[in-house]
PDB file of N, CA and C in Angstrom:
ATOM      1  N   MET A   1       0.779  -1.233  -0.174  1.00  0.00           N
ATOM      2  CA  MET A   1       0.234  -0.012   0.619  1.00  0.00           C
ATOM      3  C   MET A   1       0.817   1.075  -0.262  1.00  0.00           C
ATOM      4  N   GLN A   2       0.359   2.298  -0.297  1.00  0.00           N
ATOM      5  CA  GLN A   2       1.294   3.498  -1.319  1.00  0.00           C
ATOM      6  C   GLN A   2       1.152   5.081  -0.304  1.00  0.00           C
ATOM      7  N   ARG A   3       1.520   5.355   0.563  1.00  0.00           N
ATOM      8  CA  ARG A   3       1.277   6.474   1.677  1.00  0.00           C
ATOM      9  C   ARG A   3       1.352   7.772   0.991  1.00  0.00           C
ATOM     10  N   ILE A   4       0.957   8.032  -0.820  1.00  0.00           N
ATOM     11  CA  ILE A   4       0.394   8.879  -0.756  1.00  0.00           C
ATOM     12  C   ILE A   4      -0.316   8.461  -2.523  1.00  0.00           C
ATOM     13  N   LYS A   5      -1.998   8.779  -2.605  1.00  0.00           N
ATOM     14  CA  LYS A   5      -2.194   8.461  -3.952  1.00  0.00           C
ATOM     15  C   LYS A   5      -2.525   8.959  -5.044  1.00  0.00           C
ATOM     16  N   SER A   6      -3.094   8.937  -6.097  1.00  0.00           N
ATOM     17  CA  SER A   6      -3.602   9.448  -6.271  1.00  0.00           C
ATOM     18  C   SER A   6      -5.260  10.221  -6.379  1.00  0.00           C
ATOM     19  N   GLY A   7      -5.041  11.838  -6.838  1.00  0.00           N
ATOM     20  CA  GLY A   7      -6.134  11.626  -5.311  1.00  0.00           C
ATOM     21  C   GLY A   7      -6.403  12.776  -4.819  1.00  0.00           C
ATOM     22  N   ASP A   8      -5.071  12.747  -3.490  1.00  0.00           N
ATOM     23  CA  ASP A   8      -4.149  12.870  -2.525  1.00  0.00           C
ATOM     24  C   ASP A   8      -4.411  14.478  -2.322  1.00  0.00           C
ATOM     25  N   THR A   9      -4.627  15.696  -1.450  1.00  0.00           N
ATOM     26  CA  THR A   9      -4.058  16.848  -1.598  1.00  0.00           C
ATOM     27  C   THR A   9      -2.614  16.554  -0.655  1.00  0.00           C
ATOM     28  N   VAL A  10      -1.364  17.200  -1.629  1.00  0.00           N
ATOM     29  CA  VAL A  10      -0.402  17.389  -0.459  1.00  0.00           C
ATOM     30  C   VAL A  10       0.438  18.603  -0.408  1.00  0.00           C
ATOM     31  N   GLU A  11       1.364  18.791   0.024  1.00  0.00           N
ATOM     32  CA  GLU A  11       2.048  20.192   0.077  1.00  0.00           C
ATOM     33  C   GLU A  11       3.502  19.757  -0.308  1.00  0.00           C
ATOM     34  N   ILE A  12       3.948  20.742  -0.850  1.00  0.00           N
ATOM     35  CA  ILE A  12       5.431  20.415  -0.843  1.00  0.00           C
ATOM     36  C   ILE A  12       6.179  20.780  -0.007  1.00  0.00           C
ATOM     37  N   ILE A  13       7.494  20.647   0.798  1.00  0.00           N
ATOM     38  CA  ILE A  13       7.925  20.653   1.481  1.00  0.00           C
ATOM     39  C   ILE A  13       8.679  21.351   1.058  1.00  0.00           C
ATOM     40  N   THR A  14       9.985  21.128   0.246  1.00  0.00           N
ATOM     41  CA  THR A  14      10.943  21.466  -0.823  1.00  0.00           C
ATOM     42  C   THR A  14      11.132  22.215  -2.110  1.00  0.00           C
ATOM     43  N   GLY A  15      12.263  23.145  -2.646  1.00  0.00           N
ATOM     44  CA  GLY A  15      11.716  23.064  -3.559  1.00  0.00           C
ATOM     45  C   GLY A  15      11.307  24.724  -4.048  1.00  0.00           C
ATOM     46  N   LYS A  16      10.929  25.155  -5.076  1.00  0.00           N
ATOM     47  CA  LYS A  16      10.931  26.197  -6.060  1.00  0.00           C
ATOM     48  C   LYS A  16       9.343  26.749  -5.319  1.00  0.00           C
ATOM     49  N   ASP A  17       8.370  25.849  -4.893  1.00  0.00           N
ATOM     50  CA  ASP A  17       7.196  25.881  -5.187  1.00  0.00           C
ATOM     51  C   ASP A  17       6.756  25.374  -3.431  1.00  0.00           C
ATOM     52  N   LEU A  18       7.551  25.426  -2.154  1.00  0.00           N
ATOM     53  CA  LEU A  18       7.684  25.153  -0.944  1.00  0.00           C
ATOM     54  C   LEU A  18       6.394  25.986  -0.590  1.00  0.00           C
ATOM     55  N   GLY A  19       5.560  24.988   0.319  1.00  0.00           N
ATOM     56  CA  GLY A  19       4.611  26.114   1.020  1.00  0.00           C
ATOM     57  C   GLY A  19       2.559  25.258   0.150  1.00  0.00           C
ATOM     58  N   GLU A  20       3.362  24.816  -1.424  1.00  0.00           N
ATOM     59  CA  GLU A  20       2.007  25.221  -2.340  1.00  0.00           C
ATOM     60  C   GLU A  20       1.522  23.961  -1.864  1.00  0.00           C
ATOM     61  N   ARG A  21       0.001  23.942  -1.378  1.00  0.00           N
ATOM     62  CA  ARG A  21      -0.742  22.894  -2.261  1.00  0.00           C
ATOM     63  C   ARG A  21      -1.650  22.049  -3.138  1.00  0.00           C
ATOM     64  N   GLY A  22      -2.032  21.421  -3.633  1.00  0.00           N
ATOM     65  CA  GLY A  22      -2.690  20.760  -4.866  1.00  0.00           C
ATOM     66  C   GLY A  22      -2.620  19.317  -4.284  1.00  0.00           C
ATOM     67  N   LYS A  23      -3.408  18.681  -5.701  1.00  0.00           N
ATOM     68  CA  LYS A  23      -3.963  17.914  -5.621  1.00  0.00           C
ATOM     69  C   LYS A  23      -2.996  16.584  -6.939  1.00  0.00           C
ATOM     70  N   VAL A  24      -3.040  15.728  -6.775  1.00  0.00           N
ATOM     71  CA  VAL A  24      -1.938  14.554  -6.645  1.00  0.00           C
ATOM     72  C   VAL A  24      -2.766  14.052  -8.160  1.00  0.00           C
ATOM     73  N   MET A  25      -1.927  14.357  -9.262  1.00  0.00           N
ATOM     74  CA  MET A  25      -2.082  13.478 -10.961  1.00  0.00           C
ATOM     75  C   MET A  25      -2.576  12.678 -11.340  1.00  0.00           C
ATOM     76  N   ARG A  26      -0.797  12.438 -11.189  1.00  0.00           N
ATOM     77  CA  ARG A  26      -0.091  10.646 -10.939  1.00  0.00           C
ATOM     78  C   ARG A  26       0.633  10.181 -10.382  1.00  0.00           C
ATOM     79  N   VAL A  27       0.887   9.320  -9.533  1.00  0.00           N
ATOM     80  CA  VAL A  27       1.834   8.718  -8.860  1.00  0.00           C
ATOM     81  C   VAL A  27       2.090   7.566  -9.565  1.00  0.00           C
ATOM     82  N   ILE A  28       4.045   7.784  -9.831  1.00  0.00           N
ATOM     83  CA  ILE A  28       4.469   6.681 -10.334  1.00  0.00           C
ATOM     84  C   ILE A  28       6.313   5.637  -9.584  1.00  0.00           C
ATOM     85  N   PRO A  29       4.833   4.544  -8.778  1.00  0.00           N
ATOM     86  CA  PRO A  29       5.843   4.111  -8.192  1.00  0.00           C
ATOM     87  C   PRO A  29       6.838   3.235  -8.432  1.00  0.00           C
ATOM     88  N   LYS A  30       7.421   2.857  -9.229  1.00  0.00           N
ATOM     89  CA  LYS A  30       8.756   2.047  -9.115  1.00  0.00           C
ATOM     90  C   LYS A  30      10.001   3.485  -9.909  1.00  0.00           C
ATOM     91  N   LYS A  31       9.619   4.974 -10.445  1.00  0.00           N
ATOM     92  CA  LYS A  31      10.714   5.887  -9.888  1.00  0.00           C
ATOM     93  C   LYS A  31      10.965   6.907  -9.010  1.00  0.00           C
ATOM     94  N   GLU A  32       9.880   6.104  -7.884  1.00  0.00           N
ATOM     95  CA  GLU A  32       9.623   7.154  -6.340  1.00  0.00           C
ATOM     96  C   GLU A  32       9.036   8.648  -6.716  1.00  0.00           C
ATOM     97  N   ARG A  33       7.980   9.229  -7.932  1.00  0.00           N
ATOM     98  CA  ARG A  33       7.705  10.309  -8.125  1.00  0.00           C
ATOM     99  C   ARG A  33       6.420  10.513  -8.725  1.00  0.00           C
ATOM    100  N   LEU A  34       6.458  11.361  -8.384  1.00  0.00           N
ATOM    101  CA  LEU A  34       4.473  12.222  -8.805  1.00  0.00           C
ATOM    102  C   LEU A  34       4.549  13.601  -9.032  1.00  0.00           C
ATOM    103  N   VAL A  35       2.801  13.539  -9.909  1.00  0.00           N
ATOM    104  CA  VAL A  35       2.298  14.992 -11.020  1.00  0.00           C
ATOM    105  C   VAL A  35       1.887  15.544 -10.001  1.00  0.00           C
ATOM    106  N   VAL A  36       1.780  16.438  -9.622  1.00  0.00           N
ATOM    107  CA  VAL A  36       1.261  17.894  -8.772  1.00  0.00           C
ATOM    108  C   VAL A  36       0.707  18.381  -8.912  1.00  0.00           C
ATOM    109  N   GLU A  37      -1.329  18.418  -9.294  1.00  0.00           N
ATOM    110  CA  GLU A  37      -1.255  19.543 -10.005  1.00  0.00           C
ATOM    111  C   GLU A  37      -1.082  21.147 -10.320  1.00  0.00           C
ATOM    112  N   GLY A  38      -1.021  20.968 -11.590  1.00  0.00           N
ATOM    113  CA  GLY A  38      -0.486  22.458 -11.303  1.00  0.00           C
ATOM    114  C   GLY A  38       0.655  23.853 -10.793  1.00  0.00           C
ATOM    115  N   LEU A  39       1.539  22.345 -10.089  1.00  0.00           N
ATOM    116  CA  LEU A  39       2.292  22.766 -10.003  1.00  0.00           C
ATOM    117  C   LEU A  39       3.988  21.636  -9.790  1.00  0.00           C
ATOM    118  N   ASN A  40       5.271  22.431 -10.344  1.00  0.00           N
ATOM    119  CA  ASN A  40       6.303  21.955  -9.974  1.00  0.00           C
ATOM    120  C   ASN A  40       6.110  22.003 -12.966  1.00  0.00           C
ATOM    121  N   ILE A  41       6.248  23.351 -12.272  1.00  0.00           N
ATOM    122  CA  ILE A  41       5.565  23.719 -14.380  1.00  0.00           C
ATOM    123  C   ILE A  41       6.954  23.862 -14.730  1.00  0.00           C
ATOM    124  N   ALA A  42       6.277  22.559 -16.311  1.00  0.00           N
ATOM    125  CA  ALA A  42       8.653  22.612 -16.852  1.00  0.00           C
ATOM    126  C   ALA A  42       7.755  23.046 -17.839  1.00  0.00           C
ATOM    127  N   THR A  43       9.135  23.676 -18.894  1.00  0.00           N
ATOM    128  CA  THR A  43       8.702  23.955 -19.976  1.00  0.00           C
ATOM    129  C   THR A  43       9.890  23.292 -21.618  1.00  0.00           C
ATOM    130  N   LYS A  44       8.307  23.177 -22.133  1.00  0.00           N
ATOM    131  CA  LYS A  44       9.015  21.817 -23.529  1.00  0.00           C
ATOM    132  C   LYS A  44       9.293  22.818 -25.042  1.00  0.00           C
ATOM    133  N   HIS A  45      10.421  22.765 -25.142  1.00  0.00           N
ATOM    134  CA  HIS A  45      10.367  23.435 -26.972  1.00  0.00           C
ATOM    135  C   HIS A  45      10.027  22.264 -27.928  1.00  0.00           C
ATOM    136  N   GLN A  46       9.586  22.512 -28.417  1.00  0.00           N
ATOM    137  CA  GLN A  46       9.277  21.241 -29.575  1.00  0.00           C
ATOM    138  C   GLN A  46       9.352  22.504 -30.943  1.00  0.00           C
ATOM    139  N   LYS A  47       9.860  21.070 -31.851  1.00  0.00           N
ATOM    140  CA  LYS A  47       9.310  21.847 -33.091  1.00  0.00           C
ATOM    141  C   LYS A  47       8.286  21.870 -34.024  1.00  0.00           C
ATOM    142  N   ALA A  48       8.477  22.259 -35.680  1.00  0.00           N
ATOM    143  CA  ALA A  48       6.950  22.367 -36.092  1.00  0.00           C
ATOM    144  C   ALA A  48       7.796  20.614 -37.069  1.00  0.00           C
ATOM    145  N   ARG A  49       6.254  20.234 -37.078  1.00  0.00           N
ATOM    146  CA  ARG A  49       6.296  18.150 -37.234  1.00  0.00           C
ATOM    147  C   ARG A  49       4.346  18.057 -38.269  1.00  0.00           C
ATOM    148  N   GLN A  50       4.571  17.219 -38.953  1.00  0.00           N
ATOM    149  CA  GLN A  50       4.454  16.673 -40.114  1.00  0.00           C
ATOM    150  C   GLN A  50       3.572  15.603 -39.324  1.00  0.00           C
ATOM    151  N   GLN A  51       2.033  15.082 -39.083  1.00  0.00           N
ATOM    152  CA  GLN A  51       0.969  14.203 -38.111  1.00  0.00           C
ATOM    153  C   GLN A  51       0.159  14.507 -39.198  1.00  0.00           C
ATOM    154  N   GLY A  52       0.216  12.900 -40.563  1.00  0.00           N
ATOM    155  CA  GLY A  52      -0.306  12.378 -40.826  1.00  0.00           C
ATOM    156  C   GLY A  52      -0.665  14.174 -41.976  1.00  0.00           C
ATOM    157  N   THR A  53      -1.555  14.241 -42.444  1.00  0.00           N
ATOM    158  CA  THR A  53      -2.356  15.249 -43.444  1.00  0.00           C
ATOM    159  C   THR A  53      -1.918  16.444 -42.895  1.00  0.00           C
ATOM    160  N   GLN A  54      -1.210  16.758 -41.429  1.00  0.00           N
ATOM    161  CA  GLN A  54      -2.300  17.874 -40.905  1.00  0.00           C
ATOM    162  C   GLN A  54       0.001  18.106 -40.417  1.00  0.00           C
ATOM    163  N   GLN A  55      -0.293  19.839 -41.141  1.00  0.00           N
ATOM    164  CA  GLN A  55       0.813  20.202 -40.211  1.00  0.00           C
ATOM    165  C   GLN A  55       0.751  21.140 -38.909  1.00  0.00           C
ATOM    166  N   ILE A  56       1.863  20.583 -37.279  1.00  0.00           N
ATOM    167  CA  ILE A  56       1.638  21.042 -36.131  1.00  0.00           C
ATOM    168  C   ILE A  56       2.545  21.459 -36.031  1.00  0.00           C
ATOM    169  N   PRO A  57       2.182  23.606 -35.937  1.00  0.00           N
ATOM    170  CA  PRO A  57       3.566  24.493 -35.439  1.00  0.00           C
ATOM    171  C   PRO A  57       4.383  24.843 -34.460  1.00  0.00           C
ATOM    172  N   ALA A  58       5.757  25.012 -34.922  1.00  0.00           N
ATOM    173  CA  ALA A  58       6.995  24.808 -33.007  1.00  0.00           C
ATOM    174  C   ALA A  58       5.607  25.203 -32.196  1.00  0.00           C
ATOM    175  N   GLN A  59       5.722  25.301 -30.893  1.00  0.00           N
ATOM    176  CA  GLN A  59       5.635  25.848 -30.196  1.00  0.00           C
ATOM    177  C   GLN A  59       5.796  25.698 -28.193  1.00  0.00           C
ATOM    178  N   ILE A  60       5.821  26.144 -27.298  1.00  0.00           N
ATOM    179  CA  ILE A  60       6.010  25.870 -26.580  1.00  0.00           C
ATOM    180  C   ILE A  60       5.275  25.278 -25.411  1.00  0.00           C
ATOM    181  N   VAL A  61       5.698  25.283 -24.624  1.00  0.00           N
ATOM    182  CA  VAL A  61       4.015  23.921 -24.733  1.00  0.00           C
ATOM    183  C   VAL A  61       4.363  23.607 -23.043  1.00  0.00           C
ATOM    184  N   GLN A  62       3.516  23.618 -21.888  1.00  0.00           N
ATOM    185  CA  GLN A  62       3.844  24.630 -20.844  1.00  0.00           C
ATOM    186  C   GLN A  62       3.409  22.888 -19.881  1.00  0.00           C
ATOM    187  N   PHE A  63       3.688  21.773 -18.906  1.00  0.00           N
ATOM    188  CA  PHE A  63       3.251  20.603 -18.360  1.00  0.00           C
ATOM    189  C   PHE A  63       3.441  20.284 -17.319  1.00  0.00           C
ATOM    190  N   PRO A  64       3.463  20.370 -16.181  1.00  0.00           N
ATOM    191  CA  PRO A  64       3.340  20.139 -15.544  1.00  0.00           C
ATOM    192  C   PRO A  64       4.196  18.119 -14.628  1.00  0.00           C
ATOM    193  N   ALA A  65       5.466  18.577 -14.667  1.00  0.00           N
ATOM    194  CA  ALA A  65       6.745  17.603 -14.097  1.00  0.00           C
ATOM    195  C   ALA A  65       6.928  17.327 -12.918  1.00  0.00           C
ATOM    196  N   PRO A  66       7.301  15.875 -13.012  1.00  0.00           N
ATOM    197  CA  PRO A  66       7.677  14.752 -11.539  1.00  0.00           C
ATOM    198  C   PRO A  66       7.983  15.073 -10.659  1.00  0.00           C
ATOM    199  N   LEU A  67       8.131  14.555  -8.903  1.00  0.00           N
ATOM    200  CA  LEU A  67       8.281  15.425  -8.359  1.00  0.00           C
ATOM    201  C   LEU A  67       8.736  14.048  -7.375  1.00  0.00           C
ATOM    202  N   HIS A  68      10.167  14.176  -6.067  1.00  0.00           N
ATOM    203  CA  HIS A  68       9.651  13.118  -5.364  1.00  0.00           C
ATOM    204  C   HIS A  68       9.339  13.202  -4.809  1.00  0.00           C
ATOM    205  N   LEU A  69       8.948  11.904  -4.670  1.00  0.00           N
ATOM    206  CA  LEU A  69       8.116  12.108  -2.951  1.00  0.00           C
ATOM    207  C   LEU A  69       9.186  11.884  -1.488  1.00  0.00           C
ATOM    208  N   SER A  70      10.096  12.187  -1.983  1.00  0.00           N
ATOM    209  CA  SER A  70      10.020  13.180  -0.504  1.00  0.00           C
ATOM    210  C   SER A  70      10.187  14.149  -0.102  1.00  0.00           C
ATOM    211  N   ASN A  71       9.585  15.175  -1.523  1.00  0.00           N
ATOM    212  CA  ASN A  71       9.908  16.277  -0.856  1.00  0.00           C
ATOM    213  C   ASN A  71       8.378  16.877  -0.927  1.00  0.00           C
ATOM    214  N   VAL A  72       7.573  15.372  -0.854  1.00  0.00           N
ATOM    215  CA  VAL A  72       5.813  16.280  -0.390  1.00  0.00           C
ATOM    216  C   VAL A  72       5.210  16.279   0.846  1.00  0.00           C
ATOM    217  N   MET A  73       4.886  16.027   1.718  1.00  0.00           N
ATOM    218  CA  MET A  73       3.943  15.492   2.574  1.00  0.00           C
ATOM    219  C   MET A  73       2.277  15.479   2.243  1.00  0.00           C
ATOM    220  N   LEU A  74       1.784  14.710   2.612  1.00  0.00           N
ATOM    221  CA  LEU A  74       0.175  14.797   2.574  1.00  0.00           C
ATOM    222  C   LEU A  74       0.002  15.130   3.975  1.00  0.00           C
ATOM    223  N   VAL A  75      -1.493  15.767   3.078  1.00  0.00           N
ATOM    224  CA  VAL A  75      -2.128  17.028   4.232  1.00  0.00           C
ATOM    225  C   VAL A  75      -3.295  16.786   4.323  1.00  0.00           C
ATOM    226  N   CYS A  76      -3.732  16.253   5.856  1.00  0.00           N
ATOM    227  CA  CYS A  76      -5.082  14.870   6.122  1.00  0.00           C
ATOM    228  C   CYS A  76      -6.220  16.299   5.697  1.00  0.00           C
ATOM    229  N   PRO A  77      -7.145  14.953   5.019  1.00  0.00           N
ATOM    230  CA  PRO A  77      -8.145  15.731   4.876  1.00  0.00           C
ATOM    231  C   PRO A  77      -9.186  16.246   6.338  1.00  0.00           C
ATOM    232  N   SER A  78      -9.244  15.615   7.382  1.00  0.00           N
ATOM    233  CA  SER A  78      -9.965  15.880   9.131  1.00  0.00           C
ATOM    234  C   SER A  78      -9.160  16.941   9.398  1.00  0.00           C
ATOM    235  N   CYS A  79      -8.138  17.285   9.564  1.00  0.00           N
ATOM    236  CA  CYS A  79      -6.920  18.093  10.699  1.00  0.00           C
ATOM    237  C   CYS A  79      -6.299  18.974  10.021  1.00  0.00           C
ATOM    238  N   SER A  80      -5.876  19.251   8.220  1.00  0.00           N
ATOM    239  CA  SER A  80      -6.110  20.257   7.036  1.00  0.00           C
ATOM    240  C   SER A  80      -4.661  20.525   7.941  1.00  0.00           C
ATOM    241  N   LYS A  81      -3.202  19.625   8.780  1.00  0.00           N
ATOM    242  CA  LYS A  81      -2.310  20.089   8.385  1.00  0.00           C
ATOM    243  C   LYS A  81      -1.615  18.905   7.724  1.00  0.00           C
ATOM    244  N   ARG A  82      -0.543  19.337   6.924  1.00  0.00           N
ATOM    245  CA  ARG A  82       0.563  18.500   6.857  1.00  0.00           C
ATOM    246  C   ARG A  82       1.309  16.568   7.421  1.00  0.00           C
ATOM    247  N   VAL A  83       1.461  15.874   7.140  1.00  0.00           N
ATOM    248  CA  VAL A  83       0.967  14.701   8.694  1.00  0.00           C
ATOM    249  C   VAL A  83       1.969  13.759   7.741  1.00  0.00           C
ATOM    250  N   ARG A  84       2.314  12.866   8.801  1.00  0.00           N
ATOM    251  CA  ARG A  84       3.161  11.470   8.852  1.00  0.00           C
ATOM    252  C   ARG A  84       2.126  10.728   8.227  1.00  0.00           C
ATOM    253  N   VAL A  85       2.685   9.629   7.453  1.00  0.00           N
ATOM    254  CA  VAL A  85       1.023   8.127   7.362  1.00  0.00           C
ATOM    255  C   VAL A  85       0.992   7.506   7.739  1.00  0.00           C
ATOM    256  N   GLY A  86       0.811   6.563   8.913  1.00  0.00           N
ATOM    257  CA  GLY A  86       1.196   5.765   9.097  1.00  0.00           C
ATOM    258  C   GLY A  86       0.054   4.262   8.338  1.00  0.00           C
ATOM    259  N   PHE A  87      -0.352   2.822   9.206  1.00  0.00           N
ATOM    260  CA  PHE A  87      -1.032   1.888   8.484  1.00  0.00           C
ATOM    261  C   PHE A  87      -1.134   1.419   9.275  1.00  0.00           C
ATOM    262  N   ARG A  88      -2.456   0.791   9.914  1.00  0.00           N
ATOM    263  CA  ARG A  88      -2.964  -0.255  10.565  1.00  0.00           C
ATOM    264  C   ARG A  88      -4.049  -0.648   9.726  1.00  0.00           C
ATOM    265  N   THR A  89      -4.160  -1.921  10.641  1.00  0.00           N
ATOM    266  CA  THR A  89      -5.409  -2.877  10.044  1.00  0.00           C
ATOM    267  C   THR A  89      -6.727  -2.706  10.572  1.00  0.00           C
ATOM    268  N   THR A  90      -7.953  -2.396   9.991  1.00  0.00           N
ATOM    269  CA  THR A  90      -8.924  -2.546  10.782  1.00  0.00           C
ATOM    270  C   THR A  90      -9.450  -3.466  11.255  1.00  0.00           C
ATOM    271  N   GLU A  91     -11.044  -4.113  12.366  1.00  0.00           N
ATOM    272  CA  GLU A  91     -10.913  -5.065  12.625  1.00  0.00           C
ATOM    273  C   GLU A  91     -11.542  -6.254  11.532  1.00  0.00           C
ATOM    274  N   ALA A  92     -12.397  -5.203   9.517  1.00  0.00           N
ATOM    275  CA  ALA A  92     -12.233  -6.582   9.060  1.00  0.00           C
ATOM    276  C   ALA A  92     -11.045  -7.342   8.998  1.00  0.00           C
ATOM    277  N   GLY A  93      -9.405  -6.612   9.471  1.00  0.00           N
ATOM    278  CA  GLY A  93      -8.672  -7.477   7.588  1.00  0.00           C
ATOM    279  C   GLY A  93      -8.377  -6.472   7.589  1.00  0.00           C
ATOM    280  N   ARG A  94      -8.849  -5.380   6.998  1.00  0.00           N
ATOM    281  CA  ARG A  94      -8.420  -4.012   5.821  1.00  0.00           C
ATOM    282  C   ARG A  94      -7.124  -3.555   6.333  1.00  0.00           C
ATOM    283  N   LYS A  95      -6.213  -3.102   5.308  1.00  0.00           N
ATOM    284  CA  LYS A  95      -4.905  -2.443   5.672  1.00  0.00           C
ATOM    285  C   LYS A  95      -5.359  -1.043   5.241  1.00  0.00           C
ATOM    286  N   VAL A  96      -5.797   0.327   6.629  1.00  0.00           N
ATOM    287  CA  VAL A  96      -5.932   1.780   6.033  1.00  0.00           C
ATOM    288  C   VAL A  96      -4.338   3.037   6.817  1.00  0.00           C
ATOM    289  N   ARG A  97      -4.426   3.913   6.199  1.00  0.00           N
ATOM    290  CA  ARG A  97      -3.606   4.323   6.160  1.00  0.00           C
ATOM    291  C   ARG A  97      -4.450   5.832   6.876  1.00  0.00           C
ATOM    292  N   TYR A  98      -3.879   6.396   8.004  1.00  0.00           N
ATOM    293  CA  TYR A  98      -3.939   7.324   9.555  1.00  0.00           C
ATOM    294  C   TYR A  98      -3.459   8.506   9.367  1.00  0.00           C
ATOM    295  N   CYS A  99      -3.749   9.565  10.239  1.00  0.00           N
ATOM    296  CA  CYS A  99      -3.234  10.537  10.494  1.00  0.00           C
ATOM    297  C   CYS A  99      -2.821  10.142  11.769  1.00  0.00           C
ATOM    298  N   LYS A 100      -0.612  10.392  11.589  1.00  0.00           N
ATOM    299  CA  LYS A 100       0.286  10.018  12.886  1.00  0.00           C
ATOM    300  C   LYS A 100      -0.105  11.708  14.346  1.00  0.00           C
ATOM    301  N   LYS A 101      -1.093  11.842  13.523  1.00  0.00           N
ATOM    302  CA  LYS A 101      -1.456  13.582  13.845  1.00  0.00           C
ATOM    303  C   LYS A 101      -2.394  13.991  14.862  1.00  0.00           C
ATOM    304  N   CYS A 102      -3.556  13.637  14.119  1.00  0.00           N
ATOM    305  CA  CYS A 102      -5.265  13.604  15.180  1.00  0.00           C
ATOM    306  C   CYS A 102      -5.854  11.899  14.315  1.00  0.00           C
ATOM    307  N   ASP A 103      -5.230  11.302  14.923  1.00  0.00           N
ATOM    308  CA  ASP A 103      -5.941   9.448  14.892  1.00  0.00           C
ATOM    309  C   ASP A 103      -6.282   8.858  14.009  1.00  0.00           C
ATOM    310  N   ALA A 104      -6.704   9.878  12.514  1.00  0.00           N
ATOM    311  CA  ALA A 104      -8.136   9.254  11.447  1.00  0.00           C
ATOM    312  C   ALA A 104      -7.663   8.869  10.460  1.00  0.00           C
ATOM    313  N   ASN A 105      -9.203   8.293   9.951  1.00  0.00           N
ATOM    314  CA  ASN A 105      -7.950   7.615   9.330  1.00  0.00           C
ATOM    315  C   ASN A 105      -8.467   8.348   7.619  1.00  0.00           C
ATOM    316  N   ILE A 106      -7.380   8.277   7.044  1.00  0.00           N
ATOM    317  CA  ILE A 106      -7.264   8.101   5.756  1.00  0.00           C
ATOM    318  C   ILE A 106      -7.983   7.636   5.132  1.00  0.00           C
ATOM    319  N   GLU A 107      -9.158   7.572   3.966  1.00  0.00           N
ATOM    320  CA  GLU A 107     -10.010   7.276   2.912  1.00  0.00           C
ATOM    321  C   GLU A 107      -9.034   7.449   1.388  1.00  0.00           C
TER     322      GLU A 107
END
């Protein structure tokens, strides 16, 4: 089970976007990275190219680049603070994440 999942709200704790919060769009577990919506914006210059019968002009594209997992912390939905995540099992035997500050389950 992952500490941070797609759809969670995270806060950036280091780098140029320090203190900013955003929603996780995608998690890349093999590279230990994630993409946060609207943060860590990178710029890419693309050449003009032919695609089928259309000509696509040269352009500058901006997109959210992946961040390392160690540079973000999860924001607890119940106490809205950035927190560490713990794991525990319920009576039904399900493994769930929980907030280590307010002891609430994170769904």
